[in-house]
Amino acid sequence: MKVELIQPAADVLFDVPDDVHAEIIALITAVAVDPTTKVSDLAAAFGEWCWLVYTRHGDVVVVLDVGCAR
């Protein structure tokens, strides 16, 4: 599975504390390896403090937005 982050999402990902970064990476990993996630429209995944908005096109997960409530 290939994961692509659009630039604003990548900017946020690399501008957060390490613990938040780890939670966002865990969300991305969970979405990427879940074979039951077959969305072509927008979808979201939520962790304890963080979220991501993504879409999937075949074998590519495109992360459109990430954020954290901390």
C-alpha atoms as a PDB file:
ATOM      1  CA  MET A   1       0.000   0.000   0.000  1.00  0.00           C
ATOM      2  CA  LYS A   2       1.306   3.426  -0.931  1.00  0.00           C
ATOM      3  CA  VAL A   3       0.543   6.468   1.233  1.00  0.00           C
ATOM      4  CA  GLU A   4       0.638  10.022  -0.074  1.00  0.00           C
ATOM      5  CA  LEU A   5       0.266  13.129   2.057  1.00  0.00           C
ATOM      6  CA  ILE A   6      -0.730  16.388   0.465  1.00  0.00           C
ATOM      7  CA  GLN A   7       1.644  19.201   1.453  1.00  0.00           C
ATOM      8  CA  PRO A   8      -0.527  20.876   4.140  1.00  0.00           C
ATOM      9  CA  ALA A   9      -1.003  17.513   5.891  1.00  0.00           C
ATOM     10  CA  ALA A  10       2.720  16.801   5.686  1.00  0.00           C
ATOM     11  CA  ASP A  11       3.478  20.253   7.120  1.00  0.00           C
ATOM     12  CA  VAL A  12       1.255  19.563  10.130  1.00  0.00           C
ATOM     13  CA  LEU A  13       2.683  16.084  10.619  1.00  0.00           C
ATOM     14  CA  PHE A  14       6.237  17.377  10.872  1.00  0.00           C
ATOM     15  CA  ASP A  15       5.307  20.322  13.080  1.00  0.00           C
ATOM     16  CA  VAL A  16       3.778  18.449  16.040  1.00  0.00           C
ATOM     17  CA  PRO A  17       5.320  16.976  19.215  1.00  0.00           C
ATOM     18  CA  ASP A  18       6.727  13.439  19.049  1.00  0.00           C
ATOM     19  CA  ASP A  19       3.848  11.774  20.926  1.00  0.00           C
ATOM     20  CA  VAL A  20       1.284  13.373  18.623  1.00  0.00           C
ATOM     21  CA  HIS A  21       3.396  12.486  15.599  1.00  0.00           C
ATOM     22  CA  ALA A  22       3.420   8.837  16.725  1.00  0.00           C
ATOM     23  CA  GLU A  23      -0.383   8.796  17.107  1.00  0.00           C
ATOM     24  CA  ILE A  24      -0.918  10.251  13.631  1.00  0.00           C
ATOM     25  CA  ILE A  25       1.532   7.742  12.108  1.00  0.00           C
ATOM     26  CA  ALA A  26      -0.344   4.929  13.886  1.00  0.00           C
ATOM     27  CA  LEU A  27      -3.628   6.152  12.340  1.00  0.00           C
ATOM     28  CA  ILE A  28      -2.083   6.312   8.878  1.00  0.00           C
ATOM     29  CA  THR A  29      -0.647   2.825   9.305  1.00  0.00           C
ATOM     30  CA  ALA A  30      -3.982   1.422  10.482  1.00  0.00           C
ATOM     31  CA  VAL A  31      -5.804   2.892   7.488  1.00  0.00           C
ATOM     32  CA  ALA A  32      -3.142   1.720   5.043  1.00  0.00           C
ATOM     33  CA  VAL A  33      -3.071  -1.894   6.223  1.00  0.00           C
ATOM     34  CA  ASP A  34      -6.825  -2.349   6.734  1.00  0.00           C
ATOM     35  CA  PRO A  35      -8.024  -4.373   3.715  1.00  0.00           C
ATOM     36  CA  THR A  36     -11.683  -3.647   4.529  1.00  0.00           C
ATOM     37  CA  THR A  37     -11.233   0.089   4.003  1.00  0.00           C
ATOM     38  CA  LYS A  38     -12.306   0.541   0.401  1.00  0.00           C
ATOM     39  CA  VAL A  39     -13.397   4.183   0.302  1.00  0.00           C
ATOM     40  CA  SER A  40     -13.227   6.357  -2.760  1.00  0.00           C
ATOM     41  CA  ASP A  41     -14.904   9.318  -1.058  1.00  0.00           C
ATOM     42  CA  LEU A  42     -13.658  11.156   1.984  1.00  0.00           C
ATOM     43  CA  ALA A  43     -13.210   9.149   5.162  1.00  0.00           C
ATOM     44  CA  ALA A  44     -11.802   9.905   8.589  1.00  0.00           C
ATOM     45  CA  ALA A  45      -9.939   8.030  11.276  1.00  0.00           C
ATOM     46  CA  PHE A  46      -9.755   9.134  14.887  1.00  0.00           C
ATOM     47  CA  GLY A  47      -7.321   8.369  17.662  1.00  0.00           C
ATOM     48  CA  GLU A  48      -7.349   9.470  21.274  1.00  0.00           C
ATOM     49  CA  TRP A  49      -6.279  13.026  20.423  1.00  0.00           C
ATOM     50  CA  CYS A  50      -5.683  13.081  16.674  1.00  0.00           C
ATOM     51  CA  TRP A  51      -7.511  12.562  13.416  1.00  0.00           C
ATOM     52  CA  LEU A  52      -6.880  12.272   9.738  1.00  0.00           C
ATOM     53  CA  VAL A  53      -9.024  12.748   6.669  1.00  0.00           C
ATOM     54  CA  TYR A  54      -8.188  10.555   3.723  1.00  0.00           C
ATOM     55  CA  THR A  55      -9.388   8.966   0.546  1.00  0.00           C
ATOM     56  CA  ARG A  56      -8.296   5.779  -1.165  1.00  0.00           C
ATOM     57  CA  HIS A  57      -7.683   5.248  -4.875  1.00  0.00           C
ATOM     58  CA  GLY A  58      -6.823   1.611  -5.548  1.00  0.00           C
ATOM     59  CA  ASP A  59      -3.586   0.864  -3.689  1.00  0.00           C
ATOM     60  CA  VAL A  60      -2.983   4.489  -2.731  1.00  0.00           C
ATOM     61  CA  VAL A  61      -4.178   6.143   0.471  1.00  0.00           C
ATOM     62  CA  VAL A  62      -4.146   9.913   0.085  1.00  0.00           C
ATOM     63  CA  VAL A  63      -4.013  11.772   3.400  1.00  0.00           C
ATOM     64  CA  LEU A  64      -5.705  15.122   2.927  1.00  0.00           C
ATOM     65  CA  ASP A  65      -5.678  16.512   6.472  1.00  0.00           C
ATOM     66  CA  VAL A  66      -4.287  15.656   9.879  1.00  0.00           C
ATOM     67  CA  GLY A  67      -4.830  17.354  13.182  1.00  0.00           C
ATOM     68  CA  CYS A  68      -4.642  17.087  16.916  1.00  0.00           C
ATOM     69  CA  ALA A  69      -6.714  18.463  19.775  1.00  0.00           C
ATOM     70  CA  ARG A  70      -3.730  18.884  22.103  1.00  0.00           C
END
